[in-house]
N, C-alpha and C. Protein backbone atom coordinates (compact mmCIF):
# COMPACT_ATOMS: atom_id res chain seq x y z
N MET A 1 6.02 46.72 0.33
CA MET A 1 4.75 46.08 1.36
C MET A 1 3.23 46.01 0.85
N PRO A 2 3.15 44.98 0.78
CA PRO A 2 1.24 44.66 0.57
C PRO A 2 0.78 45.28 1.05
N LYS A 3 -0.54 45.75 0.32
CA LYS A 3 -1.51 46.50 0.79
C LYS A 3 -1.64 46.32 2.11
N LYS A 4 -2.58 45.53 2.78
CA LYS A 4 -2.91 44.61 3.82
C LYS A 4 -2.00 45.90 4.96
N LYS A 5 -0.91 45.42 4.71
CA LYS A 5 0.25 45.70 5.67
C LYS A 5 0.59 47.09 6.08
N GLU A 6 0.00 48.20 4.70
CA GLU A 6 0.41 49.27 4.38
C GLU A 6 -1.12 50.25 5.45
N ILE A 7 -1.89 49.07 5.20
CA ILE A 7 -3.00 49.92 6.29
C ILE A 7 -2.80 50.05 7.43
N LEU A 8 -1.92 48.71 7.85
CA LEU A 8 -1.84 48.37 9.36
C LEU A 8 -0.37 48.84 9.64
N SER A 9 -0.12 49.35 9.22
CA SER A 9 1.28 50.12 9.35
C SER A 9 1.06 51.57 9.97
N GLY A 10 0.00 52.10 9.84
CA GLY A 10 -0.52 53.21 9.98
C GLY A 10 -1.43 53.22 11.62
N ILE A 11 -1.85 52.37 11.54
CA ILE A 11 -2.47 51.95 12.97
C ILE A 11 -1.35 51.84 14.17
N ARG A 12 -1.86 52.87 15.22
CA ARG A 12 -1.08 52.78 16.61
C ARG A 12 -1.38 51.50 17.47
N GLY A 13 -0.34 51.04 17.74
CA GLY A 13 -0.43 49.91 18.61
C GLY A 13 -0.74 48.32 18.00
N ILE A 14 -0.06 48.16 16.87
CA ILE A 14 -0.27 47.91 15.66
C ILE A 14 0.88 46.87 14.75
N HIS A 15 1.15 45.67 15.31
CA HIS A 15 3.00 45.54 14.70
C HIS A 15 2.26 44.74 13.07
N ILE A 16 3.09 44.90 12.45
CA ILE A 16 3.34 44.69 11.19
C ILE A 16 3.46 43.33 11.21
N GLU A 17 3.74 43.07 12.05
CA GLU A 17 3.83 40.80 11.96
C GLU A 17 2.62 39.94 12.24
N SER A 18 1.89 40.92 13.29
CA SER A 18 1.02 40.52 14.10
C SER A 18 0.37 40.00 13.18
N ARG A 19 -0.35 38.63 13.80
CA ARG A 19 -1.23 37.64 13.49
C ARG A 19 -2.88 37.79 13.57
N LEU A 20 -2.95 37.96 15.39
CA LEU A 20 -4.31 38.22 15.83
C LEU A 20 -4.59 39.62 16.10
N PHE A 21 -5.72 40.28 15.99
CA PHE A 21 -5.93 41.54 15.55
C PHE A 21 -7.60 41.43 16.92
N TYR A 22 -7.75 42.23 17.92
CA TYR A 22 -8.78 42.62 18.85
C TYR A 22 -9.24 43.87 18.67
N SER A 23 -10.61 44.06 18.50
CA SER A 23 -11.50 44.86 18.82
C SER A 23 -12.48 44.40 19.71
N PRO A 24 -12.72 45.63 20.78
CA PRO A 24 -13.70 45.30 21.34
C PRO A 24 -14.78 45.81 20.82
N ARG A 25 -16.20 44.65 21.18
CA ARG A 25 -17.80 44.80 20.37
C ARG A 25 -17.98 46.30 20.38
N SER A 26 -17.66 46.96 21.47
CA SER A 26 -18.14 48.36 21.44
C SER A 26 -17.19 49.34 20.16
N LYS A 27 -16.85 49.05 19.47
CA LYS A 27 -16.16 49.21 18.42
C LYS A 27 -16.45 49.17 17.16
N VAL A 28 -17.20 48.27 17.18
CA VAL A 28 -17.78 47.49 15.78
C VAL A 28 -18.95 47.76 16.36
N LEU A 29 -19.49 46.93 16.73
CA LEU A 29 -21.44 46.68 16.69
C LEU A 29 -22.32 48.18 17.58
N PRO A 30 -22.93 48.36 17.40
CA PRO A 30 -23.80 49.26 18.49
C PRO A 30 -23.99 48.29 19.72
N TYR A 31 -24.48 49.12 20.87
CA TYR A 31 -24.97 48.95 22.11
C TYR A 31 -26.36 48.55 21.66
N VAL A 32 -27.04 47.36 22.07
CA VAL A 32 -27.80 46.83 21.86
C VAL A 32 -29.03 46.53 23.50
N ASP A 33 -30.45 47.15 23.16
CA ASP A 33 -30.98 47.09 24.52
C ASP A 33 -32.16 45.88 24.21
N ILE A 34 -32.75 45.04 25.16
CA ILE A 34 -33.85 44.33 24.77
C ILE A 34 -34.68 44.75 26.20
N ARG A 35 -35.83 44.28 25.25
CA ARG A 35 -36.85 45.09 26.03
C ARG A 35 -38.08 44.53 25.68
N ILE A 36 -38.71 44.45 26.43
CA ILE A 36 -40.80 43.57 26.06
C ILE A 36 -40.79 44.66 24.80
N ALA A 37 -41.64 43.83 24.07
CA ALA A 37 -41.78 44.68 22.54
C ALA A 37 -43.23 45.61 23.13
N LYS A 38 -43.35 46.39 22.30
CA LYS A 38 -44.95 47.59 22.37
C LYS A 38 -45.54 47.61 20.45
N GLN A 39 -46.61 47.43 20.80
CA GLN A 39 -46.89 48.09 19.56
C GLN A 39 -46.47 49.07 18.52
N GLU A 40 -45.70 50.32 19.17
CA GLU A 40 -45.49 51.32 18.06
C GLU A 40 -44.09 50.49 18.12
N ASP A 41 -43.86 49.46 18.06
CA ASP A 41 -42.66 48.83 17.14
C ASP A 41 -42.82 48.60 16.08
N HIS A 42 -44.06 48.21 15.54
CA HIS A 42 -44.99 47.70 14.55
C HIS A 42 -43.99 47.98 13.14
N ASP A 43 -43.78 49.36 13.00
CA ASP A 43 -43.23 49.64 11.58
C ASP A 43 -41.87 49.57 11.41
N ASP A 44 -41.23 49.42 12.47
CA ASP A 44 -39.63 49.56 12.82
C ASP A 44 -39.81 47.68 12.19
N LEU A 45 -40.42 47.12 12.96
CA LEU A 45 -40.21 45.63 13.07
C LEU A 45 -40.62 45.55 11.41
N ALA A 46 -41.48 45.77 10.96
CA ALA A 46 -42.30 45.36 9.69
C ALA A 46 -41.07 45.59 8.44
N LYS A 47 -40.65 46.98 8.73
CA LYS A 47 -39.25 46.69 7.77
C LYS A 47 -38.59 45.70 8.13
N VAL A 48 -38.37 45.43 9.06
CA VAL A 48 -36.60 44.42 9.10
C VAL A 48 -37.09 43.18 8.49
N PHE A 49 -38.61 42.71 8.90
CA PHE A 49 -39.52 41.56 8.23
C PHE A 49 -39.09 41.66 6.82
N ASN A 50 -39.68 42.77 6.54
CA ASN A 50 -40.02 42.38 4.85
C ASN A 50 -38.42 42.34 4.17
N ASN A 51 -37.57 42.84 4.77
CA ASN A 51 -36.10 42.84 4.09
C ASN A 51 -35.45 41.64 4.22
N GLN A 52 -35.41 41.02 5.46
CA GLN A 52 -34.62 40.21 5.86
C GLN A 52 -35.37 38.87 6.19
N SER A 53 -36.69 38.69 6.34
CA SER A 53 -37.16 37.02 6.85
C SER A 53 -38.24 36.96 5.54
N GLU A 54 -38.23 35.29 5.24
CA GLU A 54 -39.18 34.89 4.71
C GLU A 54 -40.63 34.72 5.03
N MET A 55 -40.89 35.52 5.92
CA MET A 55 -41.99 35.81 7.11
C MET A 55 -42.77 37.06 6.71
N LYS A 56 -43.39 37.37 5.03
CA LYS A 56 -43.63 38.76 4.78
C LYS A 56 -44.74 38.94 5.23
N THR A 57 -44.79 40.18 5.49
CA THR A 57 -46.10 41.07 5.97
C THR A 57 -47.17 40.66 5.24
N ASP A 58 -46.97 41.22 4.22
CA ASP A 58 -48.19 40.57 3.24
C ASP A 58 -48.81 38.86 3.35
N VAL A 59 -47.99 38.66 3.35
CA VAL A 59 -48.37 36.48 3.13
C VAL A 59 -49.36 36.41 5.01
N ASN A 60 -48.80 36.86 5.77
CA ASN A 60 -48.91 36.88 6.85
C ASN A 60 -49.85 38.07 7.75
N GLY A 61 -50.48 38.62 6.44
CA GLY A 61 -51.32 40.01 7.28
C GLY A 61 -50.47 40.83 7.74
N GLU A 62 -50.98 42.21 7.15
CA GLU A 62 -50.25 43.46 7.39
C GLU A 62 -49.33 43.97 8.84
N TYR A 63 -50.71 43.25 9.96
CA TYR A 63 -50.38 43.94 11.23
C TYR A 63 -50.11 42.47 12.13
N PHE A 64 -49.51 41.29 11.38
CA PHE A 64 -49.40 40.31 12.32
C PHE A 64 -48.69 40.54 13.32
N ILE A 65 -47.65 41.04 13.45
CA ILE A 65 -46.61 41.74 14.14
C ILE A 65 -47.29 42.38 15.19
N ALA A 66 -48.41 43.13 15.18
CA ALA A 66 -48.65 44.45 16.17
C ALA A 66 -49.59 43.62 16.88
N GLU A 67 -50.32 42.12 16.36
CA GLU A 67 -51.25 41.78 16.61
C GLU A 67 -50.45 40.09 17.57
N MET A 68 -49.45 39.89 17.40
CA MET A 68 -48.80 39.18 18.20
C MET A 68 -47.97 40.05 19.10
N ILE A 69 -47.80 41.12 19.05
CA ILE A 69 -47.32 42.41 20.13
C ILE A 69 -48.90 42.24 21.13
N ALA A 70 -49.55 42.28 20.46
CA ALA A 70 -50.96 42.37 21.76
C ALA A 70 -51.35 41.75 22.36
N GLY A 71 -51.10 40.52 21.64
CA GLY A 71 -51.58 39.18 22.36
C GLY A 71 -50.86 38.56 22.97
N GLN A 72 -49.62 39.46 24.26
CA GLN A 72 -48.77 38.99 24.77
C GLN A 72 -49.39 38.99 26.16
N ASN A 73 -49.33 37.44 26.69
CA ASN A 73 -49.53 37.06 28.04
C ASN A 73 -48.73 36.86 28.38
N GLU A 74 -49.28 36.12 29.76
CA GLU A 74 -48.58 35.60 30.71
C GLU A 74 -47.43 34.06 29.75
N PHE A 75 -48.60 33.63 29.13
CA PHE A 75 -47.43 32.59 28.06
C PHE A 75 -46.98 32.54 26.93
N ASN A 76 -47.08 34.19 26.64
CA ASN A 76 -46.82 34.23 25.28
C ASN A 76 -45.83 35.93 25.41
N LYS A 77 -44.96 36.29 25.02
CA LYS A 77 -44.15 37.54 25.33
C LYS A 77 -43.26 37.56 24.19
N ALA A 78 -42.93 38.89 23.63
CA ALA A 78 -42.37 39.25 22.52
C ALA A 78 -41.57 40.27 23.13
N LEU A 79 -39.94 39.88 22.80
CA LEU A 79 -38.82 40.91 22.87
C LEU A 79 -38.55 41.42 21.65
N VAL A 80 -38.19 42.82 21.94
CA VAL A 80 -37.76 43.70 20.98
C VAL A 80 -36.02 43.97 21.29
N ALA A 81 -34.92 43.37 20.00
CA ALA A 81 -33.76 43.91 20.27
C ALA A 81 -33.58 46.16 19.86
N GLN A 82 -33.25 46.71 20.56
CA GLN A 82 -33.96 48.00 19.80
C GLN A 82 -31.87 48.77 20.17
N VAL A 83 -31.80 49.13 18.63
CA VAL A 83 -30.37 50.58 19.33
C VAL A 83 -30.68 51.50 18.34
N LYS A 84 -30.49 52.57 19.83
CA LYS A 84 -30.63 53.86 19.83
C LYS A 84 -32.34 53.84 19.91
N ASP A 85 -33.03 54.40 19.38
CA ASP A 85 -34.58 54.52 19.49
C ASP A 85 -34.94 53.72 18.48
N LYS A 86 -35.01 52.44 17.73
CA LYS A 86 -35.01 52.02 16.31
C LYS A 86 -35.15 50.94 17.40
N ALA A 87 -36.27 49.52 16.96
CA ALA A 87 -36.71 48.25 17.27
C ALA A 87 -35.75 47.73 15.89
N VAL A 88 -34.82 46.92 15.19
CA VAL A 88 -34.05 46.14 14.59
C VAL A 88 -34.16 44.43 14.74
N GLY A 89 -35.12 43.99 15.57
CA GLY A 89 -34.93 42.96 15.85
C GLY A 89 -36.40 42.10 16.89
N LEU A 90 -36.95 41.15 16.30
CA LEU A 90 -37.98 40.70 17.59
C LEU A 90 -37.71 39.26 18.05
N MET A 91 -38.11 39.07 18.76
CA MET A 91 -37.99 36.99 19.46
C MET A 91 -39.14 37.57 20.34
N ALA A 92 -40.43 35.95 19.69
CA ALA A 92 -41.08 35.34 20.23
C ALA A 92 -40.87 34.40 21.17
N ILE A 93 -41.60 34.42 21.92
CA ILE A 93 -41.26 33.32 23.01
C ILE A 93 -42.80 33.33 23.51
N THR A 94 -42.87 31.77 23.95
CA THR A 94 -43.96 31.20 24.30
C THR A 94 -43.82 29.90 25.18
N LYS A 95 -44.65 29.70 26.08
CA LYS A 95 -44.76 28.51 26.90
C LYS A 95 -45.61 27.48 26.33
N GLU A 96 -46.60 27.73 25.29
CA GLU A 96 -47.16 26.50 24.27
C GLU A 96 -46.33 26.29 23.36
N GLU A 97 -45.91 25.06 23.79
CA GLU A 97 -44.82 24.66 21.91
C GLU A 97 -45.78 23.71 21.40
N ASP A 98 -45.31 24.03 20.54
CA ASP A 98 -46.28 22.93 19.27
C ASP A 98 -44.75 21.27 18.75
N ILE A 99 -44.79 21.00 19.43
CA ILE A 99 -44.17 19.79 19.32
C ILE A 99 -43.47 19.35 17.56
N ASN A 100 -44.58 18.91 17.45
CA ASN A 100 -44.88 18.46 16.56
C ASN A 100 -44.90 19.44 15.05
N MET A 101 -44.93 20.41 15.08
CA MET A 101 -44.76 21.67 14.52
C MET A 101 -42.92 22.00 14.51
N LEU A 102 -42.26 21.95 15.69
CA LEU A 102 -41.07 22.16 15.43
C LEU A 102 -40.37 21.04 15.25
N HIS A 103 -40.71 19.84 15.21
CA HIS A 103 -39.74 19.05 14.31
C HIS A 103 -40.60 19.00 12.98
N GLN A 104 -40.80 19.19 12.46
CA GLN A 104 -41.16 19.50 11.15
C GLN A 104 -40.47 20.27 10.66
N CYS A 105 -40.05 21.48 11.56
CA CYS A 105 -39.33 22.69 10.87
C CYS A 105 -38.28 22.41 11.30
N PHE A 106 -37.42 21.71 12.28
CA PHE A 106 -36.17 21.64 12.50
C PHE A 106 -35.81 20.50 12.75
N LYS A 107 -34.63 20.36 12.65
CA LYS A 107 -33.64 19.39 12.83
C LYS A 107 -32.95 19.12 14.71
N LEU A 108 -34.34 17.96 15.45
CA LEU A 108 -34.43 18.17 17.00
C LEU A 108 -33.12 17.44 17.81
N ASP A 109 -32.47 16.76 16.70
CA ASP A 109 -32.05 14.95 17.18
C ASP A 109 -30.81 15.39 18.46
N ALA A 110 -30.14 16.26 18.07
CA ALA A 110 -29.18 17.19 19.00
C ALA A 110 -29.25 17.40 19.59
N TYR A 111 -30.83 17.75 20.20
CA TYR A 111 -31.34 18.13 21.48
C TYR A 111 -32.54 17.54 22.06
N ASP A 112 -32.04 16.17 21.91
CA ASP A 112 -32.65 15.18 22.27
C ASP A 112 -34.45 15.10 21.82
N ASN A 113 -34.15 15.66 20.46
CA ASN A 113 -35.56 15.82 19.94
C ASN A 113 -36.85 16.61 21.41
N LEU A 114 -36.51 17.24 22.36
CA LEU A 114 -37.03 18.21 23.28
C LEU A 114 -37.46 17.56 23.94
N LEU A 115 -36.97 15.89 24.18
CA LEU A 115 -37.81 15.27 24.88
C LEU A 115 -36.69 15.01 26.60
N LYS A 116 -37.23 14.46 27.58
CA LYS A 116 -36.41 14.15 28.49
C LYS A 116 -35.24 13.29 28.35
N PRO A 117 -34.27 13.59 29.20
CA PRO A 117 -33.02 12.79 28.07
C PRO A 117 -33.24 11.44 28.99
N ASP A 118 -33.99 10.72 29.73
CA ASP A 118 -34.34 9.17 30.05
C ASP A 118 -34.96 8.84 28.96
N PHE A 119 -35.94 9.52 28.07
CA PHE A 119 -36.78 9.18 27.43
C PHE A 119 -36.56 8.86 26.36
N MET A 120 -35.43 9.98 26.24
CA MET A 120 -34.82 9.74 24.82
C MET A 120 -34.27 8.96 24.72
N ASP A 121 -33.16 8.64 26.12
CA ASP A 121 -32.33 7.17 25.60
C ASP A 121 -33.08 6.15 25.60
N ALA A 122 -34.30 5.85 26.34
CA ALA A 122 -35.44 4.72 26.00
C ALA A 122 -35.38 4.48 24.47
N VAL A 123 -35.73 6.15 23.89
CA VAL A 123 -36.39 5.42 22.82
C VAL A 123 -35.02 5.24 21.77
N ARG A 124 -34.01 6.03 21.92
CA ARG A 124 -32.77 5.24 21.43
C ARG A 124 -32.31 4.01 20.92
N LYS A 125 -32.58 3.51 22.03
CA LYS A 125 -32.32 1.99 23.02
C LYS A 125 -33.65 1.20 21.77
N ARG A 126 -34.56 1.80 22.28
CA ARG A 126 -35.58 1.20 21.04
C ARG A 126 -35.28 0.83 19.70
N ARG A 127 -34.73 1.94 19.26
CA ARG A 127 -34.69 2.00 17.88
C ARG A 127 -33.09 1.41 17.33
N GLU A 128 -32.81 1.11 18.19
CA GLU A 128 -31.42 0.18 18.44
C GLU A 128 -31.88 -1.04 18.31
N ASP A 129 -32.69 -1.72 19.30
CA ASP A 129 -33.50 -2.69 19.13
C ASP A 129 -34.14 -3.28 17.64
N ILE A 130 -34.67 -2.27 17.18
CA ILE A 130 -35.47 -2.71 15.90
C ILE A 130 -34.71 -2.93 14.61
N ARG A 131 -33.22 -1.99 14.64
CA ARG A 131 -32.32 -2.44 13.85
C ARG A 131 -31.30 -3.35 13.63
N GLN A 132 -31.43 -3.64 14.74
CA GLN A 132 -30.30 -5.28 15.30
C GLN A 132 -31.37 -6.26 14.71
N GLU A 133 -32.60 -6.29 14.97
CA GLU A 133 -33.47 -7.28 14.79
C GLU A 133 -33.92 -7.18 13.12
N LYS A 134 -33.67 -5.92 12.47
CA LYS A 134 -33.63 -6.05 10.92
C LYS A 134 -32.60 -6.84 10.54
N LEU A 135 -31.48 -6.28 11.25
CA LEU A 135 -30.09 -7.09 10.13
C LEU A 135 -30.38 -8.41 10.58
N LYS A 136 -30.83 -9.21 11.60
CA LYS A 136 -30.93 -10.27 12.20
C LYS A 136 -31.77 -11.23 10.77
N GLU A 137 -32.88 -10.29 10.63
CA GLU A 137 -34.03 -11.06 10.03
C GLU A 137 -33.06 -10.78 8.12
N GLU A 138 -32.61 -9.75 7.83
CA GLU A 138 -32.04 -10.18 6.73
C GLU A 138 -30.82 -11.18 6.51
N GLU A 139 -29.95 -11.62 7.97
CA GLU A 139 -29.21 -12.28 7.93
C GLU A 139 -29.57 -13.64 7.44
N GLU A 140 -30.69 -13.85 7.98
CA GLU A 140 -31.50 -15.21 8.19
C GLU A 140 -32.42 -15.29 6.38
N LYS A 141 -32.91 -14.29 6.06
CA LYS A 141 -33.49 -14.47 4.97
C LYS A 141 -32.56 -14.75 4.32
N ARG A 142 -31.40 -14.20 4.04
CA ARG A 142 -29.98 -14.69 3.08
C ARG A 142 -29.50 -16.10 2.96
N LYS A 143 -29.41 -16.74 4.87
CA LYS A 143 -28.89 -17.95 4.45
C LYS A 143 -29.72 -18.57 4.16
N GLU A 144 -31.14 -18.56 4.55
CA GLU A 144 -32.33 -19.37 3.86
C GLU A 144 -32.10 -19.19 2.12
N GLU A 145 -31.65 -18.30 1.29
CA GLU A 145 -31.89 -17.88 0.53
C GLU A 145 -30.42 -19.07 -0.34
N LEU A 146 -29.36 -18.93 0.20
CA LEU A 146 -28.19 -19.74 -0.07
C LEU A 146 -28.66 -20.89 0.11
N LYS A 147 -29.04 -21.42 1.16
CA LYS A 147 -29.64 -22.93 1.34
C LYS A 147 -30.41 -23.16 0.30
N LYS A 148 -31.32 -22.51 -0.31
CA LYS A 148 -32.43 -22.65 -1.27
C LYS A 148 -31.38 -23.09 -2.62
N LEU A 149 -30.69 -22.29 -2.59
CA LEU A 149 -29.27 -22.33 -3.90
C LEU A 149 -28.95 -23.32 -4.19
N LYS A 150 -28.30 -24.02 -2.92
CA LYS A 150 -27.62 -24.55 -2.42
C LYS A 150 -28.27 -26.50 -2.79
N GLU A 151 -29.40 -26.60 -2.71
CA GLU A 151 -30.18 -27.85 -2.96
C GLU A 151 -30.41 -27.50 -3.96
N GLU A 152 -31.47 -26.68 -4.58
CA GLU A 152 -31.54 -26.37 -6.29
C GLU A 152 -29.55 -26.80 -7.03
N THR A 153 -29.23 -26.97 -6.35
CA THR A 153 -27.61 -26.75 -7.37
C THR A 153 -27.70 -28.43 -7.54
N ILE A 154 -27.36 -28.86 -8.76
CA ILE A 154 -27.25 -30.32 -9.26
C ILE A 154 -25.64 -30.26 -9.39
N VAL A 155 -25.36 -32.05 -8.36
CA VAL A 155 -24.06 -32.29 -8.66
C VAL A 155 -24.07 -32.95 -9.52
N PHE A 156 -23.13 -33.04 -10.42
CA PHE A 156 -22.62 -34.22 -11.50
C PHE A 156 -21.76 -34.68 -10.86
N PRO A 157 -22.02 -36.35 -10.73
CA PRO A 157 -20.93 -36.93 -10.37
C PRO A 157 -19.76 -37.15 -11.66
N LEU A 158 -18.65 -37.09 -11.12
CA LEU A 158 -17.53 -37.13 -12.14
C LEU A 158 -17.02 -38.41 -12.95
N ILE A 159 -17.43 -38.63 -14.21
CA ILE A 159 -16.80 -40.13 -14.80
C ILE A 159 -15.97 -40.58 -15.01
């Protein structure tokens, strides 16, 4: 019996020939609370950022997380994911989006570039029209070159 099947044979309720296994989330992952961030979360979050993010506190300032949390208002909010009594994740949300920065950082085509669908449809139509015009110009240029080549070709009569 292979080692994997030996392990499974000791588990009650699992048939050795099973191909699909189910485990409830509560058995695998801890329960996560989501709440508004508080400045006291800074120490836990700084460790998370320094260990798992490209945004290091030494580059952005030692207290940039605390400053972001303190700067919450009606347009900017910070949410914390908390397991037991420890902050393990942070999400900053804003109504003041910088679309140009988002376009530089992310590929947004799948999300209509964050534009209204009607406007994005018009942009796509215009792009297609421009592409068709370029193809037509290239084809005309190619035909002109062939015409010149044909005119330059000297035909020798057969003797």
